[in-house]
Amino acid sequence: MTEKESGTPAVVEAAIRWALEKQALDPVLLDVRGLCSYADYLLILGGRSSRQVRAVAEAILRGMRKDGYKPYGQEGLDEARWVLLDFGDVVVHTFQE
């Protein structure tokens, strides 16, 4: 599906696809274009445990690299209670419930 068909950029769709592959909980996509300067979209996800939060974040990182998207930065992967992945247009936040 192209951006024109869905209205959502491919980078956002890719991040959602990889997150859901690891059963990320309660995905929420916020369109913040015009509201903040650091991203166009914020993707907020949940996980039941630090193990699941880490698995979701690592799956997103692997999958996004496979799709050709390199992260600009990442934080929180070691403790995995909260992980931030910055892909420029989309910033992914994964939180432990």
Protein backbone atom coordinates (compact mmCIF):
# COMPACT_ATOMS: atom_id res chain seq x y z
CA MET A 1 0.00 0.00 0.00
CA THR A 2 1.41 3.36 -0.95
CA GLU A 3 1.23 6.58 1.03
CA LYS A 4 -1.25 7.92 -1.51
CA GLU A 5 -3.61 4.96 -0.95
CA SER A 6 -3.50 4.92 2.86
CA GLY A 7 -2.58 8.50 3.73
CA THR A 8 0.11 7.14 6.06
CA PRO A 9 3.81 7.20 5.10
CA ALA A 10 5.45 3.85 4.41
CA VAL A 11 7.89 4.31 7.31
CA VAL A 12 4.96 4.52 9.74
CA GLU A 13 3.23 1.48 8.25
CA ALA A 14 6.49 -0.48 8.48
CA ALA A 15 6.95 0.38 12.17
CA ILE A 16 3.38 -0.66 12.96
CA ARG A 17 3.74 -3.91 11.01
CA TRP A 18 6.92 -4.93 12.86
CA ALA A 19 5.46 -3.97 16.25
CA LEU A 20 2.31 -6.01 15.74
CA GLU A 21 4.37 -9.01 14.67
CA LYS A 22 5.54 -9.23 18.31
CA GLN A 23 2.03 -8.62 19.66
CA ALA A 24 2.62 -5.05 20.85
CA LEU A 25 -0.33 -3.91 22.94
CA ASP A 26 -2.71 -1.02 22.33
CA PRO A 27 -0.96 0.72 19.41
CA VAL A 28 -1.80 4.41 19.15
CA LEU A 29 -0.60 6.53 16.23
CA LEU A 30 -0.58 10.28 16.81
CA ASP A 31 -0.27 12.65 13.86
CA VAL A 32 1.79 15.51 15.30
CA ARG A 33 2.59 17.31 12.05
CA GLY A 34 2.52 21.00 12.82
CA LEU A 35 2.48 20.37 16.57
CA CYS A 36 6.13 19.50 17.14
CA SER A 37 9.35 19.90 15.21
CA TYR A 38 11.05 16.55 15.83
CA ALA A 39 8.61 14.12 14.17
CA ASP A 40 5.48 13.87 12.07
CA TYR A 41 4.10 10.82 13.90
CA LEU A 42 4.38 9.29 17.36
CA LEU A 43 3.66 5.59 17.64
CA ILE A 44 2.90 4.52 21.21
CA LEU A 45 2.89 0.81 22.09
CA GLY A 46 2.62 -1.31 25.19
CA GLY A 47 4.14 -4.53 26.43
CA ARG A 48 3.24 -6.79 29.35
CA SER A 49 6.81 -7.15 30.62
CA SER A 50 10.30 -5.81 30.04
CA ARG A 51 10.95 -8.96 28.00
CA GLN A 52 8.07 -8.17 25.66
CA VAL A 53 9.00 -4.47 25.45
CA ARG A 54 12.55 -5.49 24.47
CA ALA A 55 11.26 -8.06 21.96
CA VAL A 56 8.95 -5.51 20.34
CA ALA A 57 11.70 -2.86 20.14
CA GLU A 58 14.26 -5.30 18.75
CA ALA A 59 11.77 -6.59 16.17
CA ILE A 60 11.05 -3.02 15.07
CA LEU A 61 14.78 -2.24 14.81
CA ARG A 62 15.53 -5.42 12.80
CA GLY A 63 12.51 -5.06 10.58
CA MET A 64 13.00 -1.37 9.89
CA ARG A 65 16.66 -1.95 8.97
CA LYS A 66 15.53 -4.77 6.68
CA ASP A 67 13.09 -2.32 5.06
CA GLY A 68 15.87 0.25 4.61
CA TYR A 69 15.09 2.58 7.54
CA LYS A 70 17.98 3.33 9.89
CA PRO A 71 17.26 4.67 13.37
CA TYR A 72 18.58 8.11 14.25
CA GLY A 73 18.66 7.10 17.90
CA GLN A 74 17.38 4.76 20.55
CA GLU A 75 17.06 4.86 24.31
CA GLY A 76 15.98 2.53 27.08
CA LEU A 77 16.67 -0.82 25.42
CA ASP A 78 18.90 -2.07 28.24
CA GLU A 79 16.26 -1.82 30.98
CA ALA A 80 13.31 -2.16 28.56
CA ARG A 81 10.69 -0.59 30.83
CA TRP A 82 10.39 2.16 28.22
CA VAL A 83 12.09 2.22 24.82
CA LEU A 84 12.28 5.11 22.38
CA LEU A 85 13.20 4.51 18.73
CA ASP A 86 13.68 7.55 16.50
CA PHE A 87 13.25 7.03 12.76
CA GLY A 88 12.99 10.71 11.87
CA ASP A 89 9.42 11.06 10.61
CA VAL A 90 8.18 8.58 13.20
CA VAL A 91 9.23 8.19 16.83
CA VAL A 92 8.23 4.91 18.48
CA HIS A 93 7.64 4.74 22.25
CA THR A 94 7.14 1.29 23.77
CA PHE A 95 6.12 1.19 27.43
CA GLN A 96 5.76 -1.61 29.93
CA GLU A 97 2.17 -1.78 31.23
